[in-house]
Amino acid sequence: MKLKLVLILATSALLSACATGPRVVDSLVTTQAAHAPGTALLQNAHYRFVQEPSVVGQPSQEQLQAMAAQALLRVGAVQDDAHARVSVQAEGQVGVVWVPDYYGGWSNPQIALGLGYGGGWRGGGFGLGFDWPSAYPYGYPSQPVYVSEVSLVMRDLKTGQIVYDTRARHQGLRGDVVPVLSALFVAALQGYPNPGPAVRRVDVPLIPLAPAPAAAEPAPRAPQAPAAPDAATPLPVQPHAADQNDL
């Protein structure tokens, strides 16, 4: 009984940690890194971005470069337009694929398969049946799957040779464009400048964006003192009851 209670408590704690822990962006990363002397160029690299036009319907170049700059800063690279030795071409895009929901969506299948066999003194029988959802007899709804991709291509400014080319891809059910792309830039630079296998899976915690600060309310105005009367303006005379001395 005690062992059973310990297992229940341990399972509850694990589920609570999963529910309250940070969301993880799983990505497939593909990297091609240069050998020496290109690797030496990447150590604490000073870089500048390649300016390209933005794509309609996708994050702007300013947004992509800001995300990439944060990820590059984590690995020691510094944006320095005046003394750059490496150029960085940052790209990112998000596409949507609609997946039929007749089987319960992306990860919740609802197809049931039944098998049965019976025997008796009169003979035997065999049965096979399928159970399909019947809520949509004339068609099944769809749900979007978001496919997010980023890439970073770094070139030696003297020779024009590519010294680092890395890409990360993720697909999921939530369309958090900016947080997901930011996490993918971090995943793409995992192991920089000496990454592991050319193709690998990298999981990065998704840090939600901080809410924008609320606009400050104007301070209440202090009550103003009444203006002093003008010397040319006569003061009003309040009427009063007649006194005996006035008679």
Protein backbone atom coordinates (compact mmCIF):
# COMPACT_ATOMS: atom_id res chain seq x y z
CA MET A 1 0.00 0.00 0.00
CA LYS A 2 2.80 2.42 0.86
CA LEU A 3 4.65 1.63 -2.36
CA LYS A 4 1.47 2.26 -4.33
CA LEU A 5 1.00 5.63 -2.64
CA VAL A 6 4.62 6.60 -3.37
CA LEU A 7 4.17 5.73 -7.06
CA ILE A 8 0.98 7.79 -7.25
CA LEU A 9 2.65 10.81 -5.65
CA ALA A 10 5.69 10.51 -7.92
CA THR A 11 3.49 10.30 -11.01
CA SER A 12 1.47 13.33 -9.91
CA ALA A 13 4.64 15.36 -9.35
CA LEU A 14 5.97 14.40 -12.78
CA LEU A 15 2.71 15.38 -14.48
CA SER A 16 2.64 18.68 -12.61
CA ALA A 17 6.20 19.44 -13.71
CA CYS A 18 5.32 18.70 -17.31
CA ALA A 19 2.22 20.87 -17.15
CA THR A 20 3.95 23.86 -15.57
CA GLY A 21 7.37 23.54 -17.23
CA PRO A 22 8.41 25.59 -20.23
CA ARG A 23 7.21 24.55 -23.65
CA VAL A 24 9.96 22.96 -25.75
CA VAL A 25 10.46 23.60 -29.46
CA ASP A 26 11.80 20.43 -31.08
CA SER A 27 13.73 21.08 -34.27
CA LEU A 28 15.67 19.29 -36.95
CA VAL A 29 18.99 21.08 -37.45
CA THR A 30 21.29 20.72 -40.46
CA THR A 31 24.74 22.35 -40.27
CA GLN A 32 27.79 22.56 -42.50
CA ALA A 33 30.81 24.18 -40.86
CA ALA A 34 34.13 25.11 -42.45
CA HIS A 35 37.37 23.54 -41.32
CA ALA A 36 40.41 25.57 -40.29
CA PRO A 37 41.17 28.37 -40.99
CA GLY A 38 37.44 29.08 -41.32
CA THR A 39 36.76 27.84 -37.81
CA ALA A 40 39.22 30.35 -36.34
CA LEU A 41 37.34 33.13 -38.12
CA LEU A 42 34.14 32.15 -36.32
CA GLN A 43 35.57 32.43 -32.81
CA ASN A 44 34.14 35.64 -31.30
CA ALA A 45 33.24 36.67 -34.83
CA HIS A 46 32.49 40.28 -35.69
CA TYR A 47 29.78 40.31 -38.32
CA ARG A 48 27.35 42.44 -40.27
CA PHE A 49 24.01 41.43 -41.74
CA VAL A 50 23.32 41.09 -45.44
CA GLN A 51 20.41 43.41 -46.19
CA GLU A 52 17.66 41.75 -48.20
CA PRO A 53 14.09 42.75 -49.03
CA SER A 54 11.34 41.48 -46.77
CA VAL A 55 8.87 38.89 -48.01
CA VAL A 56 5.17 39.74 -47.96
CA GLY A 57 3.31 37.72 -45.35
CA GLN A 58 6.50 36.76 -43.49
CA PRO A 59 8.43 38.41 -40.63
CA SER A 60 10.34 41.48 -41.78
CA GLN A 61 14.10 41.53 -42.21
CA GLU A 62 14.37 43.77 -39.16
CA GLN A 63 12.54 41.18 -37.04
CA LEU A 64 14.59 38.26 -38.38
CA GLN A 65 17.88 40.07 -37.85
CA ALA A 66 16.89 41.02 -34.31
CA MET A 67 16.11 37.37 -33.50
CA ALA A 68 19.33 36.17 -35.13
CA ALA A 69 21.41 38.80 -33.33
CA GLN A 70 20.15 37.58 -29.96
CA ALA A 71 21.04 33.98 -30.85
CA LEU A 72 24.47 34.98 -32.19
CA LEU A 73 25.20 36.95 -29.04
CA ARG A 74 24.66 33.78 -27.01
CA VAL A 75 27.57 32.11 -28.85
CA GLY A 76 29.93 35.08 -28.59
CA ALA A 77 29.42 36.67 -32.01
CA VAL A 78 29.20 40.47 -32.06
CA GLN A 79 27.42 42.67 -34.57
CA ASP A 80 30.03 45.20 -35.68
CA ASP A 81 29.35 46.79 -39.05
CA ALA A 82 32.52 48.90 -38.99
CA HIS A 83 34.96 46.04 -38.24
CA ALA A 84 33.08 43.01 -39.55
CA ARG A 85 35.01 40.05 -40.91
CA VAL A 86 31.96 37.86 -41.55
CA SER A 87 28.64 38.53 -43.26
CA VAL A 88 25.47 36.90 -41.97
CA GLN A 89 22.44 36.18 -44.12
CA ALA A 90 19.44 35.53 -41.84
CA GLU A 91 16.24 34.08 -43.26
CA GLY A 92 13.05 32.70 -41.76
CA GLN A 93 9.60 31.72 -42.87
CA VAL A 94 6.43 30.09 -41.62
CA GLY A 95 4.04 28.01 -43.71
CA VAL A 96 0.74 26.33 -42.90
CA VAL A 97 -0.31 22.81 -43.88
CA TRP A 98 -3.92 21.79 -43.29
CA VAL A 99 -4.20 18.24 -41.96
CA PRO A 100 -7.55 16.36 -42.10
CA ASP A 101 -9.00 15.78 -38.68
CA TYR A 102 -10.88 12.57 -39.50
CA TYR A 103 -8.39 10.56 -37.45
CA GLY A 104 -8.47 12.92 -34.52
CA GLY A 105 -5.88 15.41 -35.60
CA TRP A 106 -2.12 15.52 -35.43
CA SER A 107 -1.58 13.26 -32.42
CA ASN A 108 -4.94 11.87 -31.23
CA PRO A 109 -6.09 9.07 -33.52
CA GLN A 110 -9.70 7.97 -33.12
CA ILE A 111 -9.83 5.01 -35.51
CA ALA A 112 -10.94 1.80 -33.79
CA LEU A 113 -10.33 -1.68 -35.16
CA GLY A 114 -12.22 -4.69 -33.80
CA LEU A 115 -11.54 -8.40 -34.26
CA GLY A 116 -13.65 -11.27 -32.96
CA TYR A 117 -13.81 -15.04 -33.13
CA GLY A 118 -16.45 -17.38 -31.84
CA GLY A 119 -16.89 -21.14 -31.75
CA GLY A 120 -19.61 -23.57 -30.86
CA TRP A 121 -20.92 -27.02 -31.46
CA ARG A 122 -22.62 -25.82 -34.66
CA GLY A 123 -19.41 -24.23 -36.04
CA GLY A 124 -17.23 -21.13 -35.71
CA GLY A 125 -17.30 -17.53 -36.82
CA PHE A 126 -14.90 -14.67 -37.50
CA GLY A 127 -15.65 -10.93 -37.51
CA LEU A 128 -13.76 -7.78 -38.52
CA GLY A 129 -15.04 -4.24 -38.00
CA PHE A 130 -13.94 -0.61 -38.21
CA ASP A 131 -15.23 2.27 -36.12
CA TRP A 132 -14.98 5.70 -37.80
CA PRO A 133 -16.12 9.01 -36.29
CA SER A 134 -19.63 9.76 -37.50
CA ALA A 135 -19.96 13.39 -36.46
CA TYR A 136 -19.06 14.61 -39.95
CA PRO A 137 -20.79 12.36 -42.49
CA TYR A 138 -20.17 14.72 -45.43
CA GLY A 139 -16.56 15.66 -44.77
CA TYR A 140 -14.04 16.04 -42.00
CA PRO A 141 -12.70 19.26 -40.51
CA SER A 142 -9.06 20.25 -40.84
CA GLN A 143 -6.58 21.82 -38.50
CA PRO A 144 -3.46 23.84 -39.30
CA VAL A 145 0.07 22.55 -38.79
CA TYR A 146 2.66 25.34 -38.78
CA VAL A 147 6.00 24.61 -40.43
CA SER A 148 8.69 27.08 -39.31
CA GLU A 149 12.19 27.30 -40.79
CA VAL A 150 15.22 29.52 -40.26
CA SER A 151 18.68 29.64 -41.79
CA LEU A 152 21.96 31.42 -41.11
CA VAL A 153 24.65 31.61 -43.80
CA MET A 154 27.99 33.14 -42.77
CA ARG A 155 30.62 34.15 -45.32
CA ASP A 156 34.20 35.32 -45.08
CA LEU A 157 34.09 38.93 -46.28
CA LYS A 158 37.59 38.70 -47.78
CA THR A 159 37.08 35.58 -49.86
CA GLY A 160 33.28 35.30 -50.12
CA GLN A 161 33.50 31.64 -49.05
CA ILE A 162 30.78 30.14 -46.86
CA VAL A 163 32.26 29.31 -43.46
CA TYR A 164 29.07 28.32 -41.63
CA ASP A 165 25.68 27.25 -42.98
CA THR A 166 23.03 26.10 -40.52
CA ARG A 167 19.27 25.56 -40.74
CA ALA A 168 16.54 24.57 -38.28
CA ARG A 169 12.99 23.34 -38.94
CA HIS A 170 10.01 22.79 -36.65
CA GLN A 171 6.39 21.82 -37.16
CA GLY A 172 3.63 22.13 -34.59
CA LEU A 173 0.04 23.07 -33.92
CA ARG A 174 0.60 26.55 -32.48
CA GLY A 175 1.31 29.58 -34.61
CA ASP A 176 3.55 31.53 -32.21
CA VAL A 177 5.62 32.92 -35.05
CA VAL A 178 8.13 35.18 -33.31
CA PRO A 179 8.84 32.99 -30.23
CA VAL A 180 9.21 29.84 -32.34
CA LEU A 181 11.52 31.46 -34.89
CA SER A 182 13.61 32.95 -32.07
CA ALA A 183 13.99 29.48 -30.54
CA LEU A 184 14.91 28.03 -33.94
CA PHE A 185 17.77 30.52 -34.38
CA VAL A 186 19.10 29.38 -31.00
CA ALA A 187 18.74 25.73 -32.04
CA ALA A 188 20.49 26.36 -35.35
CA LEU A 189 23.56 27.67 -33.51
CA GLN A 190 23.75 24.78 -31.05
CA GLY A 191 27.39 23.69 -30.80
CA TYR A 192 28.70 26.72 -32.74
CA PRO A 193 31.38 26.94 -34.12
CA ASN A 194 32.02 23.17 -33.83
CA PRO A 195 28.60 21.53 -34.14
CA GLY A 196 27.89 17.87 -33.66
CA PRO A 197 26.43 15.63 -36.38
CA ALA A 198 25.51 17.33 -39.62
CA VAL A 199 21.85 16.43 -39.06
CA ARG A 200 20.57 16.30 -35.50
CA ARG A 201 17.57 17.00 -33.31
CA VAL A 202 17.81 19.97 -30.96
CA ASP A 203 15.21 20.88 -28.34
CA VAL A 204 15.08 24.47 -27.09
CA PRO A 205 12.79 25.80 -24.32
CA LEU A 206 10.36 28.37 -25.61
CA ILE A 207 10.58 31.57 -23.62
CA PRO A 208 7.32 33.52 -23.94
CA LEU A 209 7.59 37.13 -24.93
CA ALA A 210 7.23 39.64 -22.12
CA PRO A 211 3.98 41.61 -22.37
CA ALA A 212 4.32 45.15 -23.57
CA PRO A 213 4.42 47.63 -20.68
CA ALA A 214 1.15 49.39 -20.05
CA ALA A 215 0.97 53.03 -20.94
CA ALA A 216 1.58 55.24 -17.91
CA GLU A 217 -1.48 57.07 -16.68
CA PRO A 218 -1.14 60.85 -16.50
CA ALA A 219 -0.47 62.16 -13.00
CA PRO A 220 -3.46 63.90 -11.40
CA ARG A 221 -3.27 67.66 -11.58
CA ALA A 222 -2.80 69.59 -8.37
CA PRO A 223 -5.74 71.85 -7.50
CA GLN A 224 -5.09 75.37 -8.70
CA ALA A 225 -5.43 78.34 -6.38
CA PRO A 226 -8.10 80.85 -7.35
CA ALA A 227 -6.77 83.74 -9.38
CA ALA A 228 -6.22 87.04 -7.56
CA PRO A 229 -8.89 89.62 -8.36
CA ASP A 230 -7.99 92.40 -10.73
CA ALA A 231 -7.43 95.76 -9.06
CA ALA A 232 -9.72 97.43 -11.57
CA THR A 233 -12.54 95.03 -10.83
CA PRO A 234 -14.62 96.08 -7.79
CA LEU A 235 -15.23 93.44 -5.20
CA PRO A 236 -18.84 92.37 -4.80
CA VAL A 237 -20.55 93.72 -1.68
CA GLN A 238 -22.57 91.24 0.29
CA PRO A 239 -25.84 92.70 1.63
CA HIS A 240 -26.29 92.63 5.42
CA ALA A 241 -28.99 93.42 7.85
CA ALA A 242 -29.24 97.02 9.00
CA ASP A 243 -27.60 97.73 12.33
CA GLN A 244 -29.01 100.18 14.91
CA ASN A 245 -25.87 102.33 14.65
CA ASP A 246 -26.59 102.82 10.95
CA LEU A 247 -29.92 104.40 11.78
